[in-house]
């Protein structure tokens, strides 16, 4: 049975399991909703895996506004939740304010790697490596020699995705055109499928016949419109191939589910520090299943798998937007 406690009036709610132990973990979803079919949903899937395997319970909240971030952290910490798992780069500042006040509580920051706090497990992903692989696939599948990228909020993290994607596409075809658009400059960009649809149509008019969406809930609109217009799309974070079978070329997997599962499994014994999950750690990759198998040729799979091994071995270097503050393969 679930008790609903209001947070900041009626704006949001904490889902608490009745009779739960004080040290149960907590999960704070980013804006865009738990079932965004992407980033947040991957976190949810990881937490549910932990529940199914252990019979445990956890607390959660779906944020409705920026103002709720710090309050949610403090509410969970005061309630004794441990660890408290947070989703998204925007949790960095609130964590910086709150973590020091609760030194005995372990926090997990997904997509944050720059805080100085002894009680935070910070997890970054090599999104550019996984995006490189799906960029290769996009170029190999394209018949127009033009592929697209639609990001959510225009932040370095999403440019990191785009940069890897463009490099992968140009590794296959140096003359390919990569069209890139961001949905917006505020958190609302993560949950605007209508704008995602509009940008998809715009890129199609420019010749794009494969479009990669790294835009949270906005990406649902991208994938839907791509399917409706008869072109291919590429999903992100979660495996989104099933949303439009035979129309989604692949999905760039960002194993947020694994990060959340492992954090909850560790519990109060969670190791803190900064951790990176790339191809070598199986933290990113591409999805292949019955929904997209007819779209992925043996040649395509062989090329991408070979590139994966070369990246892991250091024989192929994928430029990071973070390190360069620019992208050698794409102008924004």
C-alpha atoms as a PDB file:
ATOM      1  CA  UNK A   1       0.000   0.000   0.000  1.00  0.00           C
ATOM      2  CA  UNK A   2       1.316   3.452  -0.813  1.00  0.00           C
ATOM      3  CA  UNK A   3       1.017   6.567   1.317  1.00  0.00           C
ATOM      4  CA  UNK A   4       1.196   9.857  -0.568  1.00  0.00           C
ATOM      5  CA  UNK A   5       2.845  12.779   1.216  1.00  0.00           C
ATOM      6  CA  UNK A   6       2.683  16.212  -0.308  1.00  0.00           C
ATOM      7  CA  UNK A   7       5.885  18.038  -1.164  1.00  0.00           C
ATOM      8  CA  UNK A   8       5.654  21.784  -1.660  1.00  0.00           C
ATOM      9  CA  UNK A   9       1.913  21.781  -1.283  1.00  0.00           C
ATOM     10  CA  UNK A  10       0.120  19.659  -3.830  1.00  0.00           C
ATOM     11  CA  UNK A  11       2.733  20.126  -6.537  1.00  0.00           C
ATOM     12  CA  UNK A  12       4.356  16.717  -6.105  1.00  0.00           C
ATOM     13  CA  UNK A  13       4.173  13.607  -4.026  1.00  0.00           C
ATOM     14  CA  UNK A  14       6.509  11.228  -2.254  1.00  0.00           C
ATOM     15  CA  UNK A  15       5.678   7.591  -2.791  1.00  0.00           C
ATOM     16  CA  UNK A  16       6.356   5.755   0.452  1.00  0.00           C
ATOM     17  CA  UNK A  17       5.881   2.088   1.136  1.00  0.00           C
ATOM     18  CA  UNK A  18       3.946   1.451   4.327  1.00  0.00           C
ATOM     19  CA  UNK A  19       5.985  -0.070   7.101  1.00  0.00           C
ATOM     20  CA  UNK A  20       9.232   0.363   5.192  1.00  0.00           C
ATOM     21  CA  UNK A  21      12.548   0.253   6.969  1.00  0.00           C
ATOM     22  CA  UNK A  22      14.246   3.565   7.644  1.00  0.00           C
ATOM     23  CA  UNK A  23      17.291   2.645   5.577  1.00  0.00           C
ATOM     24  CA  UNK A  24      15.389   1.880   2.391  1.00  0.00           C
ATOM     25  CA  UNK A  25      16.817   3.602  -0.702  1.00  0.00           C
ATOM     26  CA  UNK A  26      15.179   6.503  -2.506  1.00  0.00           C
ATOM     27  CA  UNK A  27      15.072   7.535  -6.139  1.00  0.00           C
ATOM     28  CA  UNK A  28      14.597  11.085  -7.416  1.00  0.00           C
ATOM     29  CA  UNK A  29      13.593  11.149 -11.075  1.00  0.00           C
ATOM     30  CA  UNK A  30      14.544  14.084 -13.261  1.00  0.00           C
ATOM     31  CA  UNK A  31      11.962  16.299 -14.935  1.00  0.00           C
ATOM     32  CA  UNK A  32      10.110  14.583 -17.762  1.00  0.00           C
ATOM     33  CA  UNK A  33       8.414  11.856 -15.744  1.00  0.00           C
ATOM     34  CA  UNK A  34       9.190   8.334 -14.601  1.00  0.00           C
ATOM     35  CA  UNK A  35       7.776   6.791 -17.762  1.00  0.00           C
ATOM     36  CA  UNK A  36       9.553   8.943 -20.358  1.00  0.00           C
ATOM     37  CA  UNK A  37      10.546   5.734 -22.211  1.00  0.00           C
ATOM     38  CA  UNK A  38      14.138   6.919 -21.967  1.00  0.00           C
ATOM     39  CA  UNK A  39      16.443   8.211 -19.199  1.00  0.00           C
ATOM     40  CA  UNK A  40      14.061   8.190 -16.232  1.00  0.00           C
ATOM     41  CA  UNK A  41      12.410   4.958 -17.261  1.00  0.00           C
ATOM     42  CA  UNK A  42      15.803   3.268 -17.410  1.00  0.00           C
ATOM     43  CA  UNK A  43      16.329   4.315 -13.787  1.00  0.00           C
ATOM     44  CA  UNK A  44      12.900   2.974 -12.881  1.00  0.00           C
ATOM     45  CA  UNK A  45      13.703  -0.345 -14.556  1.00  0.00           C
ATOM     46  CA  UNK A  46      16.915  -0.658 -12.562  1.00  0.00           C
ATOM     47  CA  UNK A  47      15.090   0.027  -9.301  1.00  0.00           C
ATOM     48  CA  UNK A  48      12.361  -2.467 -10.159  1.00  0.00           C
ATOM     49  CA  UNK A  49      14.974  -5.113 -10.921  1.00  0.00           C
ATOM     50  CA  UNK A  50      16.344  -4.592  -7.420  1.00  0.00           C
ATOM     51  CA  UNK A  51      12.840  -4.895  -5.938  1.00  0.00           C
ATOM     52  CA  UNK A  52      12.135  -8.107  -7.857  1.00  0.00           C
ATOM     53  CA  UNK A  53      15.419  -9.689  -6.817  1.00  0.00           C
ATOM     54  CA  UNK A  54      15.390  -8.658  -3.173  1.00  0.00           C
ATOM     55  CA  UNK A  55      11.772  -8.074  -2.246  1.00  0.00           C
ATOM     56  CA  UNK A  56      12.856  -4.689  -0.939  1.00  0.00           C
ATOM     57  CA  UNK A  57      11.097  -1.359  -1.291  1.00  0.00           C
ATOM     58  CA  UNK A  58      12.211   2.147  -2.120  1.00  0.00           C
ATOM     59  CA  UNK A  59      10.877   5.663  -1.986  1.00  0.00           C
ATOM     60  CA  UNK A  60      10.551   7.806  -5.084  1.00  0.00           C
ATOM     61  CA  UNK A  61       9.477  11.177  -6.387  1.00  0.00           C
ATOM     62  CA  UNK A  62       8.777  12.523  -9.845  1.00  0.00           C
ATOM     63  CA  UNK A  63       9.866  16.153  -9.800  1.00  0.00           C
ATOM     64  CA  UNK A  64       7.501  18.725 -11.228  1.00  0.00           C
ATOM     65  CA  UNK A  65       9.739  21.786 -10.915  1.00  0.00           C
ATOM     66  CA  UNK A  66      13.329  22.843 -10.303  1.00  0.00           C
ATOM     67  CA  UNK A  67      12.396  24.165  -6.863  1.00  0.00           C
ATOM     68  CA  UNK A  68      11.613  20.673  -5.586  1.00  0.00           C
ATOM     69  CA  UNK A  69      15.119  19.275  -6.015  1.00  0.00           C
ATOM     70  CA  UNK A  70      16.641  20.390  -2.726  1.00  0.00           C
ATOM     71  CA  UNK A  71      13.449  19.802  -0.758  1.00  0.00           C
ATOM     72  CA  UNK A  72      13.192  16.239  -2.036  1.00  0.00           C
ATOM     73  CA  UNK A  73      16.794  15.538  -1.063  1.00  0.00           C
ATOM     74  CA  UNK A  74      16.259  16.854   2.446  1.00  0.00           C
ATOM     75  CA  UNK A  75      12.940  15.058   2.920  1.00  0.00           C
ATOM     76  CA  UNK A  76      14.448  11.704   1.966  1.00  0.00           C
ATOM     77  CA  UNK A  77      17.575  12.271   4.075  1.00  0.00           C
ATOM     78  CA  UNK A  78      15.491  13.259   7.104  1.00  0.00           C
ATOM     79  CA  UNK A  79      13.347  10.138   6.582  1.00  0.00           C
ATOM     80  CA  UNK A  80      16.464   7.973   6.764  1.00  0.00           C
ATOM     81  CA  UNK A  81      16.641   6.831   3.161  1.00  0.00           C
ATOM     82  CA  UNK A  82      20.065   5.462   2.249  1.00  0.00           C
ATOM     83  CA  UNK A  83      21.303   5.636  -0.435  1.00  0.00           C
ATOM     84  CA  UNK A  84      19.462   8.449  -2.195  1.00  0.00           C
ATOM     85  CA  UNK A  85      19.780   8.094  -5.961  1.00  0.00           C
ATOM     86  CA  UNK A  86      19.403  11.224  -8.078  1.00  0.00           C
ATOM     87  CA  UNK A  87      18.954  11.506 -11.829  1.00  0.00           C
ATOM     88  CA  UNK A  88      20.412  14.173 -14.083  1.00  0.00           C
ATOM     89  CA  UNK A  89      23.068  16.876 -14.118  1.00  0.00           C
ATOM     90  CA  UNK A  90      20.687  19.467 -12.635  1.00  0.00           C
ATOM     91  CA  UNK A  91      20.894  17.702  -9.263  1.00  0.00           C
ATOM     92  CA  UNK A  92      24.517  18.810  -8.884  1.00  0.00           C
ATOM     93  CA  UNK A  93      23.891  22.161  -7.201  1.00  0.00           C
ATOM     94  CA  UNK A  94      21.246  20.862  -4.769  1.00  0.00           C
ATOM     95  CA  UNK A  95      23.494  17.922  -3.877  1.00  0.00           C
ATOM     96  CA  UNK A  96      26.338  20.322  -3.253  1.00  0.00           C
ATOM     97  CA  UNK A  97      24.118  22.123  -0.754  1.00  0.00           C
ATOM     98  CA  UNK A  98      22.606  19.088   0.931  1.00  0.00           C
ATOM     99  CA  UNK A  99      25.168  16.249   1.056  1.00  0.00           C
ATOM    100  CA  UNK A 100      27.404  17.938   3.607  1.00  0.00           C
ATOM    101  CA  UNK A 101      24.460  18.309   5.990  1.00  0.00           C
ATOM    102  CA  UNK A 102      23.926  14.538   6.036  1.00  0.00           C
ATOM    103  CA  UNK A 103      27.422  13.010   6.219  1.00  0.00           C
ATOM    104  CA  UNK A 104      26.081   9.582   7.203  1.00  0.00           C
ATOM    105  CA  UNK A 105      23.833   9.371   4.145  1.00  0.00           C
ATOM    106  CA  UNK A 106      25.145   8.062   0.819  1.00  0.00           C
ATOM    107  CA  UNK A 107      24.008   9.889  -2.309  1.00  0.00           C
ATOM    108  CA  UNK A 108      24.229   8.794  -5.946  1.00  0.00           C
ATOM    109  CA  UNK A 109      24.496  11.359  -8.735  1.00  0.00           C
ATOM    110  CA  UNK A 110      23.882  10.030 -12.242  1.00  0.00           C
ATOM    111  CA  UNK A 111      25.399  12.336 -14.893  1.00  0.00           C
ATOM    112  CA  UNK A 112      27.380  14.328 -12.306  1.00  0.00           C
ATOM    113  CA  UNK A 113      31.154  13.900 -11.903  1.00  0.00           C
ATOM    114  CA  UNK A 114      32.536  17.194 -10.605  1.00  0.00           C
ATOM    115  CA  UNK A 115      31.379  17.534  -6.994  1.00  0.00           C
ATOM    116  CA  UNK A 116      33.764  17.387  -4.053  1.00  0.00           C
ATOM    117  CA  UNK A 117      31.937  15.419  -1.394  1.00  0.00           C
ATOM    118  CA  UNK A 118      33.010  12.205   0.349  1.00  0.00           C
ATOM    119  CA  UNK A 119      29.488  10.742   0.585  1.00  0.00           C
ATOM    120  CA  UNK A 120      28.452  10.942  -3.087  1.00  0.00           C
ATOM    121  CA  UNK A 121      28.848   8.245  -5.724  1.00  0.00           C
ATOM    122  CA  UNK A 122      29.166  10.200  -8.979  1.00  0.00           C
ATOM    123  CA  UNK A 123      28.535   8.324 -12.214  1.00  0.00           C
ATOM    124  CA  UNK A 124      29.416   9.559 -15.679  1.00  0.00           C
ATOM    125  CA  UNK A 125      28.867   7.769 -18.968  1.00  0.00           C
ATOM    126  CA  UNK A 126      30.929   7.799 -22.144  1.00  0.00           C
ATOM    127  CA  UNK A 127      27.919   8.772 -24.235  1.00  0.00           C
ATOM    128  CA  UNK A 128      30.174   9.819 -27.091  1.00  0.00           C
ATOM    129  CA  UNK A 129      31.474   6.256 -27.449  1.00  0.00           C
ATOM    130  CA  UNK A 130      28.045   4.687 -27.727  1.00  0.00           C
ATOM    131  CA  UNK A 131      26.875   7.513 -29.975  1.00  0.00           C
ATOM    132  CA  UNK A 132      29.848   6.897 -32.263  1.00  0.00           C
ATOM    133  CA  UNK A 133      28.617   3.352 -32.853  1.00  0.00           C
ATOM    134  CA  UNK A 134      25.051   4.372 -33.696  1.00  0.00           C
ATOM    135  CA  UNK A 135      26.445   7.167 -35.883  1.00  0.00           C
ATOM    136  CA  UNK A 136      28.237   4.530 -37.896  1.00  0.00           C
ATOM    137  CA  UNK A 137      25.000   2.585 -38.210  1.00  0.00           C
ATOM    138  CA  UNK A 138      23.126   5.713 -39.297  1.00  0.00           C
ATOM    139  CA  UNK A 139      25.633   6.424 -42.063  1.00  0.00           C
ATOM    140  CA  UNK A 140      25.555   2.831 -43.278  1.00  0.00           C
ATOM    141  CA  UNK A 141      21.744   2.816 -43.360  1.00  0.00           C
ATOM    142  CA  UNK A 142      21.346   6.264 -44.955  1.00  0.00           C
ATOM    143  CA  UNK A 143      20.464   6.427 -48.641  1.00  0.00           C
ATOM    144  CA  UNK A 144      20.510  10.231 -48.824  1.00  0.00           C
ATOM    145  CA  UNK A 145      23.947  10.782 -47.255  1.00  0.00           C
ATOM    146  CA  UNK A 146      22.248  13.059 -44.722  1.00  0.00           C
ATOM    147  CA  UNK A 147      21.520  12.068 -41.135  1.00  0.00           C
ATOM    148  CA  UNK A 148      20.074  14.047 -38.252  1.00  0.00           C
ATOM    149  CA  UNK A 149      20.453  14.569 -34.524  1.00  0.00           C
ATOM    150  CA  UNK A 150      17.805  16.066 -32.256  1.00  0.00           C
ATOM    151  CA  UNK A 151      18.849  16.855 -28.708  1.00  0.00           C
ATOM    152  CA  UNK A 152      16.796  17.949 -25.725  1.00  0.00           C
ATOM    153  CA  UNK A 153      18.105  20.818 -23.603  1.00  0.00           C
ATOM    154  CA  UNK A 154      21.152  22.478 -25.144  1.00  0.00           C
ATOM    155  CA  UNK A 155      23.795  21.560 -22.592  1.00  0.00           C
ATOM    156  CA  UNK A 156      27.320  20.103 -22.888  1.00  0.00           C
ATOM    157  CA  UNK A 157      26.013  16.620 -22.043  1.00  0.00           C
ATOM    158  CA  UNK A 158      23.764  16.527 -25.114  1.00  0.00           C
ATOM    159  CA  UNK A 159      26.448  18.055 -27.328  1.00  0.00           C
ATOM    160  CA  UNK A 160      28.613  15.187 -26.080  1.00  0.00           C
ATOM    161  CA  UNK A 161      26.075  12.743 -27.571  1.00  0.00           C
ATOM    162  CA  UNK A 162      25.896  14.672 -30.840  1.00  0.00           C
ATOM    163  CA  UNK A 163      29.650  14.941 -31.195  1.00  0.00           C
ATOM    164  CA  UNK A 164      30.197  11.205 -30.914  1.00  0.00           C
ATOM    165  CA  UNK A 165      27.350  10.528 -33.336  1.00  0.00           C
ATOM    166  CA  UNK A 166      28.784  12.854 -35.978  1.00  0.00           C
ATOM    167  CA  UNK A 167      32.240  11.309 -35.640  1.00  0.00           C
ATOM    168  CA  UNK A 168      30.842   7.819 -36.117  1.00  0.00           C
ATOM    169  CA  UNK A 169      28.843   8.851 -39.173  1.00  0.00           C
ATOM    170  CA  UNK A 170      31.849  10.550 -40.765  1.00  0.00           C
ATOM    171  CA  UNK A 171      34.102   7.585 -40.024  1.00  0.00           C
ATOM    172  CA  UNK A 172      31.873   5.640 -42.419  1.00  0.00           C
ATOM    173  CA  UNK A 173      31.258   8.444 -44.908  1.00  0.00           C
ATOM    174  CA  UNK A 174      33.504  11.534 -44.648  1.00  0.00           C
ATOM    175  CA  UNK A 175      31.177  13.431 -46.973  1.00  0.00           C
ATOM    176  CA  UNK A 176      27.960  12.764 -45.071  1.00  0.00           C
ATOM    177  CA  UNK A 177      25.909  15.731 -43.863  1.00  0.00           C
ATOM    178  CA  UNK A 178      24.899  15.762 -40.204  1.00  0.00           C
ATOM    179  CA  UNK A 179      21.999  18.090 -39.360  1.00  0.00           C
ATOM    180  CA  UNK A 180      21.725  18.897 -35.646  1.00  0.00           C
ATOM    181  CA  UNK A 181      19.076  20.732 -33.633  1.00  0.00           C
ATOM    182  CA  UNK A 182      18.413  21.186 -29.938  1.00  0.00           C
ATOM    183  CA  UNK A 183      14.849  21.389 -28.642  1.00  0.00           C
ATOM    184  CA  UNK A 184      15.380  24.269 -26.212  1.00  0.00           C
ATOM    185  CA  UNK A 185      17.438  25.874 -23.468  1.00  0.00           C
ATOM    186  CA  UNK A 186      15.253  25.092 -20.430  1.00  0.00           C
ATOM    187  CA  UNK A 187      14.275  21.806 -18.733  1.00  0.00           C
ATOM    188  CA  UNK A 188      10.993  21.909 -20.666  1.00  0.00           C
ATOM    189  CA  UNK A 189      13.039  20.694 -23.645  1.00  0.00           C
ATOM    190  CA  UNK A 190      13.029  17.194 -22.164  1.00  0.00           C
ATOM    191  CA  UNK A 191       9.286  16.764 -22.459  1.00  0.00           C
ATOM    192  CA  UNK A 192       8.104  18.419 -25.688  1.00  0.00           C
ATOM    193  CA  UNK A 193       7.203  15.691 -28.202  1.00  0.00           C
ATOM    194  CA  UNK A 194       5.374  18.218 -30.384  1.00  0.00           C
ATOM    195  CA  UNK A 195       8.573  20.246 -30.849  1.00  0.00           C
ATOM    196  CA  UNK A 196      10.419  16.988 -31.429  1.00  0.00           C
ATOM    197  CA  UNK A 197       7.998  16.189 -34.239  1.00  0.00           C
ATOM    198  CA  UNK A 198       8.426  19.634 -35.787  1.00  0.00           C
ATOM    199  CA  UNK A 199      12.218  19.359 -35.740  1.00  0.00           C
ATOM    200  CA  UNK A 200      12.020  15.906 -37.290  1.00  0.00           C
ATOM    201  CA  UNK A 201       9.943  17.195 -40.196  1.00  0.00           C
ATOM    202  CA  UNK A 202      12.381  20.069 -40.647  1.00  0.00           C
ATOM    203  CA  UNK A 203      15.351  17.699 -40.806  1.00  0.00           C
ATOM    204  CA  UNK A 204      13.520  15.435 -43.253  1.00  0.00           C
ATOM    205  CA  UNK A 205      12.989  18.467 -45.487  1.00  0.00           C
ATOM    206  CA  UNK A 206      16.779  18.903 -45.427  1.00  0.00           C
ATOM    207  CA  UNK A 207      17.276  15.350 -46.634  1.00  0.00           C
ATOM    208  CA  UNK A 208      17.802  13.433 -43.394  1.00  0.00           C
ATOM    209  CA  UNK A 209      16.644   9.828 -43.602  1.00  0.00           C
ATOM    210  CA  UNK A 210      18.012   8.611 -40.240  1.00  0.00           C
ATOM    211  CA  UNK A 211      17.531  10.746 -37.104  1.00  0.00           C
ATOM    212  CA  UNK A 212      19.008  10.139 -33.647  1.00  0.00           C
ATOM    213  CA  UNK A 213      17.032  11.539 -30.721  1.00  0.00           C
ATOM    214  CA  UNK A 214      18.760  12.262 -27.412  1.00  0.00           C
ATOM    215  CA  UNK A 215      15.973  14.279 -25.876  1.00  0.00           C
ATOM    216  CA  UNK A 216      14.186  12.385 -23.098  1.00  0.00           C
ATOM    217  CA  UNK A 217      10.414  12.449 -23.525  1.00  0.00           C
ATOM    218  CA  UNK A 218      10.767  14.775 -26.513  1.00  0.00           C
ATOM    219  CA  UNK A 219      12.355  11.892 -28.371  1.00  0.00           C
ATOM    220  CA  UNK A 220       9.032  10.029 -28.370  1.00  0.00           C
ATOM    221  CA  UNK A 221       7.772  12.642 -30.820  1.00  0.00           C
ATOM    222  CA  UNK A 222      10.891  12.256 -32.943  1.00  0.00           C
ATOM    223  CA  UNK A 223      10.553   8.482 -33.207  1.00  0.00           C
ATOM    224  CA  UNK A 224       6.814   8.683 -33.914  1.00  0.00           C
ATOM    225  CA  UNK A 225       7.179  11.243 -36.699  1.00  0.00           C
ATOM    226  CA  UNK A 226      10.116   9.429 -38.242  1.00  0.00           C
ATOM    227  CA  UNK A 227       8.003   6.270 -38.413  1.00  0.00           C
ATOM    228  CA  UNK A 228       5.040   8.166 -39.847  1.00  0.00           C
ATOM    229  CA  UNK A 229       7.215   9.833 -42.497  1.00  0.00           C
ATOM    230  CA  UNK A 230       8.903   6.607 -43.546  1.00  0.00           C
ATOM    231  CA  UNK A 231      12.446   7.258 -42.339  1.00  0.00           C
ATOM    232  CA  UNK A 232      14.527   5.560 -39.660  1.00  0.00           C
ATOM    233  CA  UNK A 233      15.169   6.808 -36.152  1.00  0.00           C
ATOM    234  CA  UNK A 234      17.599   5.938 -33.372  1.00  0.00           C
ATOM    235  CA  UNK A 235      16.481   5.786 -29.751  1.00  0.00           C
ATOM    236  CA  UNK A 236      18.461   6.584 -26.628  1.00  0.00           C
ATOM    237  CA  UNK A 237      19.144   5.516 -23.036  1.00  0.00           C
ATOM    238  CA  UNK A 238      16.545   2.720 -22.858  1.00  0.00           C
ATOM    239  CA  UNK A 239      16.000   0.232 -25.676  1.00  0.00           C
ATOM    240  CA  UNK A 240      13.325   2.019 -27.702  1.00  0.00           C
ATOM    241  CA  UNK A 241      13.329  -0.377 -30.653  1.00  0.00           C
ATOM    242  CA  UNK A 242       9.940  -1.771 -29.648  1.00  0.00           C
ATOM    243  CA  UNK A 243       8.183   1.584 -29.904  1.00  0.00           C
ATOM    244  CA  UNK A 244       8.115   1.335 -33.705  1.00  0.00           C
ATOM    245  CA  UNK A 245       9.262  -2.139 -34.783  1.00  0.00           C
ATOM    246  CA  UNK A 246      11.057  -2.076 -38.106  1.00  0.00           C
ATOM    247  CA  UNK A 247      11.359   1.724 -38.003  1.00  0.00           C
ATOM    248  CA  UNK A 248      13.887   2.265 -35.203  1.00  0.00           C
ATOM    249  CA  UNK A 249      17.327   1.373 -36.552  1.00  0.00           C
ATOM    250  CA  UNK A 250      18.756   0.880 -33.062  1.00  0.00           C
ATOM    251  CA  UNK A 251      18.940   2.567 -29.659  1.00  0.00           C
ATOM    252  CA  UNK A 252      22.049   3.899 -27.968  1.00  0.00           C
ATOM    253  CA  UNK A 253      21.932   2.157 -24.628  1.00  0.00           C
ATOM    254  CA  UNK A 254      23.051   4.149 -21.615  1.00  0.00           C
ATOM    255  CA  UNK A 255      22.939   1.676 -18.758  1.00  0.00           C
ATOM    256  CA  UNK A 256      21.380   3.946 -16.197  1.00  0.00           C
ATOM    257  CA  UNK A 257      19.377   0.906 -15.113  1.00  0.00           C
ATOM    258  CA  UNK A 258      22.582  -0.896 -14.134  1.00  0.00           C
ATOM    259  CA  UNK A 259      23.883   2.140 -12.237  1.00  0.00           C
ATOM    260  CA  UNK A 260      20.673   2.430 -10.203  1.00  0.00           C
ATOM    261  CA  UNK A 261      20.402  -1.303  -9.590  1.00  0.00           C
ATOM    262  CA  UNK A 262      23.985  -1.574  -8.361  1.00  0.00           C
ATOM    263  CA  UNK A 263      23.580   1.430  -6.080  1.00  0.00           C
ATOM    264  CA  UNK A 264      20.464   0.029  -4.437  1.00  0.00           C
ATOM    265  CA  UNK A 265      22.055  -3.408  -4.161  1.00  0.00           C
ATOM    266  CA  UNK A 266      25.053  -1.947  -2.336  1.00  0.00           C
ATOM    267  CA  UNK A 267      22.802  -0.036   0.065  1.00  0.00           C
ATOM    268  CA  UNK A 268      24.550   1.699   2.923  1.00  0.00           C
ATOM    269  CA  UNK A 269      27.805  -0.024   1.918  1.00  0.00           C
ATOM    270  CA  UNK A 270      27.838   1.871  -1.364  1.00  0.00           C
ATOM    271  CA  UNK A 271      31.313   2.908  -2.500  1.00  0.00           C
ATOM    272  CA  UNK A 272      31.530   6.631  -3.154  1.00  0.00           C
ATOM    273  CA  UNK A 273      33.766   8.536  -5.556  1.00  0.00           C
ATOM    274  CA  UNK A 274      33.714   9.211  -9.282  1.00  0.00           C
ATOM    275  CA  UNK A 275      32.985   6.349 -11.672  1.00  0.00           C
ATOM    276  CA  UNK A 276      32.860   6.210 -15.467  1.00  0.00           C
ATOM    277  CA  UNK A 277      30.822   3.758 -17.532  1.00  0.00           C
ATOM    278  CA  UNK A 278      31.879   3.467 -21.170  1.00  0.00           C
ATOM    279  CA  UNK A 279      32.134   0.715 -23.748  1.00  0.00           C
ATOM    280  CA  UNK A 280      34.763  -1.127 -21.742  1.00  0.00           C
ATOM    281  CA  UNK A 281      32.491  -1.228 -18.691  1.00  0.00           C
ATOM    282  CA  UNK A 282      29.442  -2.059 -20.822  1.00  0.00           C
ATOM    283  CA  UNK A 283      27.934   1.212 -19.657  1.00  0.00           C
ATOM    284  CA  UNK A 284      26.964   2.223 -23.204  1.00  0.00           C
ATOM    285  CA  UNK A 285      26.262   0.277 -26.364  1.00  0.00           C
ATOM    286  CA  UNK A 286      23.672  -0.336 -29.046  1.00  0.00           C
ATOM    287  CA  UNK A 287      20.489  -2.391 -29.004  1.00  0.00           C
ATOM    288  CA  UNK A 288      19.870  -5.351 -31.255  1.00  0.00           C
ATOM    289  CA  UNK A 289      16.684  -7.399 -30.919  1.00  0.00           C
ATOM    290  CA  UNK A 290      13.862  -8.877 -32.974  1.00  0.00           C
ATOM    291  CA  UNK A 291      12.376  -5.413 -33.543  1.00  0.00           C
ATOM    292  CA  UNK A 292      15.359  -4.067 -35.482  1.00  0.00           C
ATOM    293  CA  UNK A 293      17.210  -7.195 -36.609  1.00  0.00           C
ATOM    294  CA  UNK A 294      15.953  -6.904 -40.234  1.00  0.00           C
ATOM    295  CA  UNK A 295      17.408  -3.375 -40.391  1.00  0.00           C
ATOM    296  CA  UNK A 296      20.908  -4.281 -39.201  1.00  0.00           C
ATOM    297  CA  UNK A 297      22.918  -6.122 -41.843  1.00  0.00           C
ATOM    298  CA  UNK A 298      25.744  -8.515 -41.020  1.00  0.00           C
ATOM    299  CA  UNK A 299      28.131  -5.981 -42.561  1.00  0.00           C
ATOM    300  CA  UNK A 300      26.814  -3.210 -40.352  1.00  0.00           C
ATOM    301  CA  UNK A 301      27.057  -5.310 -37.193  1.00  0.00           C
ATOM    302  CA  UNK A 302      30.570  -6.476 -38.033  1.00  0.00           C
ATOM    303  CA  UNK A 303      31.766  -2.923 -38.669  1.00  0.00           C
ATOM    304  CA  UNK A 304      30.262  -1.564 -35.468  1.00  0.00           C
ATOM    305  CA  UNK A 305      31.502  -4.429 -33.315  1.00  0.00           C
ATOM    306  CA  UNK A 306      35.005  -4.010 -34.761  1.00  0.00           C
ATOM    307  CA  UNK A 307      34.910  -0.293 -33.975  1.00  0.00           C
ATOM    308  CA  UNK A 308      33.755  -1.065 -30.442  1.00  0.00           C
ATOM    309  CA  UNK A 309      36.760  -3.287 -29.843  1.00  0.00           C
ATOM    310  CA  UNK A 310      39.130  -0.696 -31.305  1.00  0.00           C
ATOM    311  CA  UNK A 311      37.729   2.037 -29.079  1.00  0.00           C
ATOM    312  CA  UNK A 312      38.126  -0.178 -26.002  1.00  0.00           C
ATOM    313  CA  UNK A 313      41.683  -1.034 -27.048  1.00  0.00           C
ATOM    314  CA  UNK A 314      42.552   2.629 -27.611  1.00  0.00           C
ATOM    315  CA  UNK A 315      43.119   2.144 -31.336  1.00  0.00           C
ATOM    316  CA  UNK A 316      40.258   4.511 -32.169  1.00  0.00           C
ATOM    317  CA  UNK A 317      39.851   7.708 -30.173  1.00  0.00           C
ATOM    318  CA  UNK A 318      36.459   9.396 -30.015  1.00  0.00           C
ATOM    319  CA  UNK A 319      36.829  13.112 -29.299  1.00  0.00           C
ATOM    320  CA  UNK A 320      34.963  14.302 -26.205  1.00  0.00           C
ATOM    321  CA  UNK A 321      32.983  17.531 -26.335  1.00  0.00           C
ATOM    322  CA  UNK A 322      33.802  18.032 -22.655  1.00  0.00           C
ATOM    323  CA  UNK A 323      37.533  18.042 -23.298  1.00  0.00           C
ATOM    324  CA  UNK A 324      37.441  20.295 -26.334  1.00  0.00           C
ATOM    325  CA  UNK A 325      34.348  22.454 -25.706  1.00  0.00           C
ATOM    326  CA  UNK A 326      33.794  21.949 -29.425  1.00  0.00           C
ATOM    327  CA  UNK A 327      33.283  19.099 -31.862  1.00  0.00           C
ATOM    328  CA  UNK A 328      35.657  18.435 -34.759  1.00  0.00           C
ATOM    329  CA  UNK A 329      32.926  16.687 -36.750  1.00  0.00           C
ATOM    330  CA  UNK A 330      29.937  18.980 -36.104  1.00  0.00           C
ATOM    331  CA  UNK A 331      29.165  22.675 -35.850  1.00  0.00           C
ATOM    332  CA  UNK A 332      26.380  23.679 -33.480  1.00  0.00           C
END
